[in-house]
Amino acid sequence: MSDKIGPDGTPQNAPVIDRRMLEALICPMTQTTLSYDAEAQELVSKVAKMAFPIRNGIPIMLVSEARALD
């Protein structure tokens, strides 16, 4: 796999994510909207200050799997 970044800033080896699905997801802690970080392949909850990983195109919405943001 390549770690090259495409012209739109997304990793070229990243799976295609359905934007409508992402818009429907909310933070499991705060019930607020999430933002998509294509480069890091994460869904970010600014309110909870957590980032939920996307692995193989599947959002992992478990608090135990989330990364705390500084």
Protein backbone atom coordinates (compact mmCIF):
# COMPACT_ATOMS: atom_id res chain seq x y z
CA MET A 1 0.00 0.00 0.00
CA SER A 2 1.06 3.54 -0.67
CA ASP A 3 1.13 6.43 1.79
CA LYS A 4 0.80 9.03 -0.97
CA ILE A 5 -1.61 11.92 -0.51
CA GLY A 6 -4.02 12.70 -3.34
CA PRO A 7 -4.74 16.19 -4.74
CA ASP A 8 -7.74 16.57 -2.43
CA GLY A 9 -5.61 15.86 0.66
CA THR A 10 -6.89 12.33 1.30
CA PRO A 11 -4.56 9.35 1.44
CA GLN A 12 -4.65 7.53 -1.90
CA ASN A 13 -4.89 4.15 -0.19
CA ALA A 14 -7.82 5.21 2.00
CA PRO A 15 -11.13 3.45 1.39
CA VAL A 16 -13.95 5.52 -0.06
CA ILE A 17 -16.25 6.79 2.69
CA ASP A 18 -19.93 7.51 2.03
CA ARG A 19 -20.46 11.15 3.05
CA ARG A 20 -24.18 10.58 3.75
CA MET A 21 -23.29 7.86 6.25
CA LEU A 22 -20.79 10.14 7.98
CA GLU A 23 -23.33 12.95 8.21
CA ALA A 24 -25.76 10.58 9.95
CA LEU A 25 -23.27 9.59 12.67
CA ILE A 26 -23.10 11.49 15.94
CA CYS A 27 -20.76 11.41 18.91
CA PRO A 28 -21.76 8.57 21.26
CA MET A 29 -20.81 10.70 24.28
CA THR A 30 -22.29 14.10 23.49
CA GLN A 31 -24.82 13.36 20.72
CA THR A 32 -23.26 16.19 18.66
CA THR A 33 -22.10 16.17 15.05
CA LEU A 34 -18.71 14.85 14.03
CA SER A 35 -16.21 16.19 11.51
CA TYR A 36 -14.34 13.91 9.12
CA ASP A 37 -10.53 14.07 9.10
CA ALA A 38 -9.70 12.32 5.82
CA GLU A 39 -5.93 12.39 6.33
CA ALA A 40 -6.07 10.78 9.78
CA GLN A 41 -9.08 8.58 8.85
CA GLU A 42 -10.95 9.69 11.97
CA LEU A 43 -14.27 11.20 12.96
CA VAL A 44 -13.64 14.07 15.36
CA SER A 45 -15.93 15.21 18.15
CA LYS A 46 -14.83 18.73 19.02
CA VAL A 47 -17.23 18.87 21.98
CA ALA A 48 -15.98 15.60 23.55
CA LYS A 49 -12.40 16.28 22.39
CA MET A 50 -12.13 12.75 20.99
CA ALA A 51 -11.32 11.21 17.62
CA PHE A 52 -12.97 7.96 16.57
CA PRO A 53 -10.95 5.83 14.12
CA ILE A 54 -12.12 4.62 10.73
CA ARG A 55 -10.65 1.20 9.98
CA ASN A 56 -11.04 -0.39 6.55
CA GLY A 57 -13.82 2.10 5.80
CA ILE A 58 -15.76 1.29 9.00
CA PRO A 59 -16.18 3.98 11.69
CA ILE A 60 -15.40 2.57 15.13
CA MET A 61 -17.79 4.47 17.40
CA LEU A 62 -16.65 2.96 20.71
CA VAL A 63 -15.44 5.38 23.37
CA SER A 64 -12.86 2.79 24.41
CA GLU A 65 -11.35 2.94 20.90
CA ALA A 66 -11.36 6.74 20.62
CA ARG A 67 -8.25 8.89 20.87
CA ALA A 68 -8.30 11.84 23.27
CA LEU A 69 -7.52 15.20 21.67
CA ASP A 70 -5.41 17.80 23.41
